[in-house]
Amino acid sequence: MADSKLELLQGQRILITGAARGIGAALAERLASRGARLALIGLEPELLAAVAERCGEDTFVGECDVSQSTQVTAAIDAAAAALGGLDIVVANAGIATAGPLRTQDLRSWERVIETNLLGVMYTDRAALAHLEASRGYLLNIASAAASLRSPGLSAYCAAKAGVEALSDCLRVEVRPFGVQVGVAYFMVLNTDMVRDFERELPSLERGRRELPGVLRHTYHVTPAIDQLVAGIVARRRRIAYPRWFLKTLAFRQLFASEVSERVAGR
């Protein structure tokens, strides 16, 4: 991306949830290097503090469980007060657990929905007034799992499909108020969350090896962040890495069914 476009991030007030590690931390550091003013929200104070230190001394840090609506509202309002408003909000916080629905612990399944779907909704709802004031941009992080459903990841796939649907509905609702809404999709990235649930469900990794090369590949985080930053600057409706994933959305039902069967080994 041309430096002239990246200069558009200079001074932008950007809030990121789930900023302690993975995509959130990498995105925060990249945006800070381009002059953005940041608010980092998450549950791991020591990790958040370390990311904030790398981002600059004026970075706001807020400890918050995104599955708790009152905590989300308080954290976002505090961040907006500290930064003097918000221009961009990235609802990134997410978790994953793996296992067949029939045997998986019910509470762990519910927790994924509470964090990955309700947490995004709580973030969006709390951020809207601030983004209306700045005519800002809201970016919800979904996943390729929104359409490429994998056995053993039912909670994660359901939540991410919900994030996509929420984003598409909200985009139309808030357009009259000057707010733009985007949704991001990633294939499997080399993050600690991915490594954790592959250890939790080894059959998932074995099933993924049966897929065509582009689907079984684990992708590096850095080029995904490149696409994310470019999408934020352009305020895109849809951002994806790899970019070819966007083409699959047009025929997702056929594609998704085939992927699920391959992963299941049938």
Protein backbone atom coordinates (compact mmCIF):
# COMPACT_ATOMS: atom_id res chain seq x y z
CA MET A 1 0.00 0.00 0.00
CA ALA A 2 1.26 3.49 -0.85
CA ASP A 3 2.62 5.48 2.09
CA SER A 4 0.25 8.32 1.19
CA LYS A 5 -2.73 6.10 1.96
CA LEU A 6 -1.21 4.80 5.18
CA GLU A 7 -0.82 8.40 6.30
CA LEU A 8 -4.61 8.43 6.61
CA LEU A 9 -4.14 6.44 9.83
CA GLN A 10 -2.14 9.25 11.44
CA GLY A 11 -3.99 10.44 14.54
CA GLN A 12 -6.94 8.10 14.01
CA ARG A 13 -8.49 6.96 17.30
CA ILE A 14 -8.78 3.19 17.04
CA LEU A 15 -10.14 0.72 19.59
CA ILE A 16 -9.33 -2.99 19.30
CA THR A 17 -10.84 -5.75 21.43
CA GLY A 18 -8.90 -8.96 22.01
CA ALA A 19 -5.70 -6.96 21.70
CA ALA A 20 -3.53 -8.95 24.11
CA ARG A 21 -2.35 -11.53 21.59
CA GLY A 22 -2.70 -12.89 18.05
CA ILE A 23 -4.39 -10.80 15.39
CA GLY A 24 -5.37 -8.05 17.83
CA ALA A 25 -1.85 -7.50 19.14
CA ALA A 26 -0.27 -7.63 15.68
CA LEU A 27 -2.83 -5.19 14.30
CA ALA A 28 -2.33 -2.80 17.21
CA GLU A 29 1.42 -2.67 16.70
CA ARG A 30 1.07 -2.11 12.97
CA LEU A 31 -1.48 0.69 13.40
CA ALA A 32 0.66 2.34 16.08
CA SER A 33 3.62 2.34 13.69
CA ARG A 34 1.45 4.34 11.30
CA GLY A 35 0.60 7.00 13.85
CA ALA A 36 -2.78 5.79 15.10
CA ARG A 37 -3.86 6.47 18.67
CA LEU A 38 -4.98 3.24 20.26
CA ALA A 39 -7.28 1.82 22.89
CA LEU A 40 -6.55 -1.82 23.66
CA ILE A 41 -9.25 -3.90 25.31
CA GLY A 42 -8.81 -7.42 26.65
CA LEU A 43 -8.74 -9.83 29.56
CA GLU A 44 -5.02 -10.40 30.09
CA PRO A 45 -3.62 -7.27 31.76
CA GLU A 46 0.05 -8.22 31.65
CA LEU A 47 -0.05 -9.11 27.97
CA LEU A 48 -2.10 -5.99 27.19
CA ALA A 49 0.41 -3.83 29.03
CA ALA A 50 3.25 -5.34 27.01
CA VAL A 51 1.46 -4.65 23.73
CA ALA A 52 0.63 -1.12 24.87
CA GLU A 53 4.27 -0.48 25.72
CA ARG A 54 5.23 -1.41 22.18
CA CYS A 55 2.47 0.82 20.79
CA GLY A 56 3.38 4.00 22.65
CA GLU A 57 2.99 5.63 26.02
CA ASP A 58 -0.35 7.30 25.30
CA THR A 59 -2.07 3.97 24.48
CA PHE A 60 -5.22 3.39 26.52
CA VAL A 61 -5.59 -0.04 28.13
CA GLY A 62 -8.90 -1.40 29.41
CA GLU A 63 -9.46 -4.77 31.06
CA CYS A 64 -12.78 -6.18 29.94
CA ASP A 65 -14.60 -9.47 29.39
CA VAL A 66 -16.47 -8.87 26.13
CA SER A 67 -19.12 -11.42 27.09
CA GLN A 68 -20.28 -9.01 29.82
CA SER A 69 -22.24 -6.13 28.29
CA THR A 70 -21.79 -3.71 31.20
CA GLN A 71 -18.02 -4.21 31.15
CA VAL A 72 -17.92 -3.61 27.41
CA THR A 73 -19.89 -0.38 27.61
CA ALA A 74 -17.77 0.92 30.48
CA ALA A 75 -14.50 0.08 28.71
CA ILE A 76 -15.53 1.64 25.40
CA ASP A 77 -16.87 4.79 27.04
CA ALA A 78 -13.65 5.13 29.06
CA ALA A 79 -11.54 4.65 25.94
CA ALA A 80 -13.54 7.25 24.03
CA ALA A 81 -13.14 9.70 26.90
CA ALA A 82 -9.39 9.09 27.04
CA LEU A 83 -8.87 9.51 23.29
CA GLY A 84 -11.43 12.26 22.79
CA GLY A 85 -13.66 10.02 20.68
CA LEU A 86 -13.34 6.99 18.42
CA ASP A 87 -12.88 6.87 14.65
CA ILE A 88 -12.50 3.12 14.16
CA VAL A 89 -13.52 0.14 16.28
CA VAL A 90 -12.27 -3.39 15.58
CA ALA A 91 -14.32 -6.11 17.31
CA ASN A 92 -11.71 -8.84 17.31
CA ALA A 93 -11.96 -10.69 20.64
CA GLY A 94 -12.62 -14.38 20.22
CA ILE A 95 -11.98 -17.84 21.60
CA ALA A 96 -12.32 -21.38 20.27
CA THR A 97 -13.01 -24.79 21.70
CA ALA A 98 -13.15 -28.02 19.80
CA GLY A 99 -15.05 -31.26 20.03
CA PRO A 100 -18.18 -33.05 18.80
CA LEU A 101 -21.40 -31.40 19.98
CA ARG A 102 -22.75 -34.63 21.46
CA THR A 103 -19.85 -34.91 23.93
CA GLN A 104 -18.55 -31.36 24.28
CA ASP A 105 -18.97 -29.59 27.60
CA LEU A 106 -22.09 -27.44 27.26
CA ARG A 107 -20.64 -24.49 29.15
CA SER A 108 -17.59 -24.32 26.90
CA TRP A 109 -19.89 -24.29 23.83
CA GLU A 110 -21.96 -21.47 25.33
CA ARG A 111 -18.84 -19.52 26.22
CA VAL A 112 -17.75 -19.44 22.57
CA ILE A 113 -21.12 -17.98 21.53
CA GLU A 114 -21.05 -15.48 24.39
CA THR A 115 -17.57 -14.27 23.50
CA ASN A 116 -17.46 -14.54 19.72
CA LEU A 117 -21.00 -13.47 18.84
CA LEU A 118 -22.56 -11.67 21.81
CA GLY A 119 -19.21 -10.04 22.56
CA VAL A 120 -19.10 -8.58 19.06
CA MET A 121 -22.70 -7.41 19.36
CA TYR A 122 -22.01 -5.76 22.74
CA THR A 123 -18.95 -4.06 21.28
CA ASP A 124 -20.85 -2.83 18.23
CA ARG A 125 -23.75 -1.54 20.27
CA ALA A 126 -21.55 0.31 22.77
CA ALA A 127 -19.39 1.81 20.02
CA LEU A 128 -22.13 3.10 17.72
CA ALA A 129 -22.80 6.42 19.42
CA HIS A 130 -19.08 7.25 19.36
CA LEU A 131 -18.75 6.23 15.71
CA GLU A 132 -21.82 8.22 14.72
CA ALA A 133 -20.16 11.30 16.21
CA SER A 134 -17.04 10.77 14.06
CA ARG A 135 -18.77 9.19 11.04
CA GLY A 136 -16.47 6.30 11.71
CA TYR A 137 -15.82 2.71 10.71
CA LEU A 138 -16.72 -0.50 12.53
CA LEU A 139 -14.90 -3.70 11.61
CA ASN A 140 -16.08 -7.06 12.92
CA ILE A 141 -13.64 -9.96 12.71
CA ALA A 142 -15.44 -13.07 11.49
CA SER A 143 -13.57 -15.98 9.89
CA ALA A 144 -13.56 -18.20 6.85
CA ALA A 145 -15.40 -20.51 9.26
CA ALA A 146 -18.45 -18.30 8.68
CA SER A 147 -18.96 -20.28 5.47
CA LEU A 148 -16.43 -23.15 5.54
CA ARG A 149 -17.91 -25.17 8.39
CA SER A 150 -15.76 -27.79 10.06
CA PRO A 151 -17.00 -30.73 12.13
CA GLY A 152 -15.75 -30.38 15.69
CA LEU A 153 -15.94 -26.59 15.59
CA SER A 154 -19.71 -26.13 15.67
CA ALA A 155 -19.73 -23.33 18.25
CA TYR A 156 -16.96 -21.39 16.53
CA CYS A 157 -18.50 -21.76 13.07
CA ALA A 158 -21.97 -20.80 14.33
CA ALA A 159 -20.62 -17.73 16.10
CA LYS A 160 -18.60 -16.53 13.12
CA ALA A 161 -21.54 -17.04 10.75
CA GLY A 162 -23.53 -14.93 13.20
CA VAL A 163 -20.88 -12.20 13.14
CA GLU A 164 -21.14 -12.04 9.36
CA ALA A 165 -24.94 -11.82 9.49
CA LEU A 166 -24.83 -9.21 12.25
CA SER A 167 -22.40 -7.11 10.22
CA ASP A 168 -24.53 -7.25 7.08
CA CYS A 169 -27.66 -6.23 8.98
CA LEU A 170 -25.92 -3.49 10.91
CA ARG A 171 -24.31 -2.02 7.80
CA VAL A 172 -27.72 -1.06 6.43
CA GLU A 173 -29.10 0.06 9.79
CA VAL A 174 -26.33 2.56 10.53
CA ARG A 175 -25.68 3.88 7.03
CA PRO A 176 -28.07 6.83 7.56
CA PHE A 177 -25.96 7.84 10.57
CA GLY A 178 -22.71 7.97 8.62
CA VAL A 179 -21.15 4.81 10.05
CA GLN A 180 -19.56 2.25 7.74
CA VAL A 181 -19.38 -1.44 8.68
CA GLY A 182 -16.96 -4.08 7.49
CA VAL A 183 -16.41 -7.76 8.18
CA ALA A 184 -13.12 -9.65 7.92
CA TYR A 185 -12.52 -13.30 7.04
CA PHE A 186 -9.31 -15.25 7.56
CA MET A 187 -8.35 -18.78 6.65
CA VAL A 188 -6.35 -20.72 9.25
CA LEU A 189 -3.64 -18.41 10.60
CA ASN A 190 -0.62 -19.40 12.64
CA THR A 191 -1.82 -18.02 15.98
CA ASP A 192 -1.77 -19.45 19.48
CA MET A 193 -5.56 -19.92 19.38
CA VAL A 194 -5.31 -22.11 16.29
CA ARG A 195 -2.46 -24.13 17.76
CA ASP A 196 -4.45 -24.63 20.98
CA PHE A 197 -7.58 -26.04 19.38
CA GLU A 198 -5.62 -28.23 16.97
CA ARG A 199 -4.00 -29.81 20.03
CA GLU A 200 -7.46 -30.11 21.61
CA LEU A 201 -8.92 -31.92 18.60
CA PRO A 202 -6.16 -33.73 16.63
CA SER A 203 -8.75 -35.19 14.25
CA LEU A 204 -9.44 -31.65 13.00
CA GLU A 205 -5.86 -31.28 11.83
CA ARG A 206 -5.89 -34.76 10.26
CA GLY A 207 -9.11 -33.92 8.40
CA ARG A 208 -7.68 -30.64 7.18
CA ARG A 209 -4.81 -32.51 5.54
CA GLU A 210 -7.36 -34.10 3.19
CA LEU A 211 -8.33 -30.73 1.74
CA PRO A 212 -6.84 -29.13 -1.40
CA GLY A 213 -3.61 -27.23 -0.78
CA VAL A 214 -5.02 -23.74 -0.36
CA LEU A 215 -7.51 -24.99 2.23
CA ARG A 216 -5.20 -27.16 4.30
CA HIS A 217 -2.49 -24.51 4.44
CA THR A 218 -1.77 -22.58 7.64
CA TYR A 219 -1.12 -18.97 6.71
CA HIS A 220 1.26 -16.45 8.26
CA VAL A 221 -0.20 -13.61 10.30
CA THR A 222 1.85 -10.79 8.76
CA PRO A 223 0.24 -10.74 5.28
CA ALA A 224 -3.17 -11.08 6.95
CA ILE A 225 -2.42 -7.91 8.90
CA ASP A 226 -1.34 -6.24 5.64
CA GLN A 227 -4.80 -6.93 4.20
CA LEU A 228 -6.51 -5.87 7.40
CA VAL A 229 -4.73 -2.51 7.48
CA ALA A 230 -5.43 -1.90 3.79
CA GLY A 231 -9.09 -2.70 4.37
CA ILE A 232 -9.30 -0.38 7.36
CA VAL A 233 -7.75 2.49 5.42
CA ALA A 234 -10.21 1.93 2.55
CA ARG A 235 -13.11 1.20 4.95
CA ARG A 236 -14.00 -1.89 2.97
CA ARG A 237 -17.20 -3.84 3.46
CA ARG A 238 -15.33 -7.16 3.22
CA ILE A 239 -11.70 -7.95 3.94
CA ALA A 240 -10.14 -11.38 3.51
CA TYR A 241 -6.84 -13.17 3.65
CA PRO A 242 -6.08 -14.87 1.41
CA ARG A 243 -7.97 -12.54 -0.90
CA TRP A 244 -9.25 -15.38 -3.07
CA PHE A 245 -11.58 -16.33 -0.23
CA LEU A 246 -13.91 -13.48 -1.22
CA LYS A 247 -14.65 -15.30 -4.48
CA THR A 248 -15.95 -18.34 -2.59
CA LEU A 249 -18.75 -16.32 -1.01
CA ALA A 250 -20.71 -16.38 -4.26
CA PHE A 251 -21.04 -20.17 -4.21
CA ARG A 252 -20.58 -20.83 -0.53
CA GLN A 253 -23.24 -23.51 -0.01
CA LEU A 254 -21.73 -25.99 -2.47
CA PHE A 255 -18.20 -25.19 -1.35
CA ALA A 256 -19.00 -25.39 2.36
CA SER A 257 -20.66 -28.80 2.09
CA GLU A 258 -17.68 -30.27 0.25
CA VAL A 259 -15.22 -28.90 2.81
CA SER A 260 -17.22 -30.30 5.73
CA GLU A 261 -17.34 -33.76 4.17
CA ARG A 262 -13.61 -33.74 3.45
CA VAL A 263 -12.73 -32.68 7.00
CA ALA A 264 -14.99 -35.41 8.36
CA GLY A 265 -13.17 -37.93 6.18
CA ARG A 266 -16.21 -39.01 4.20
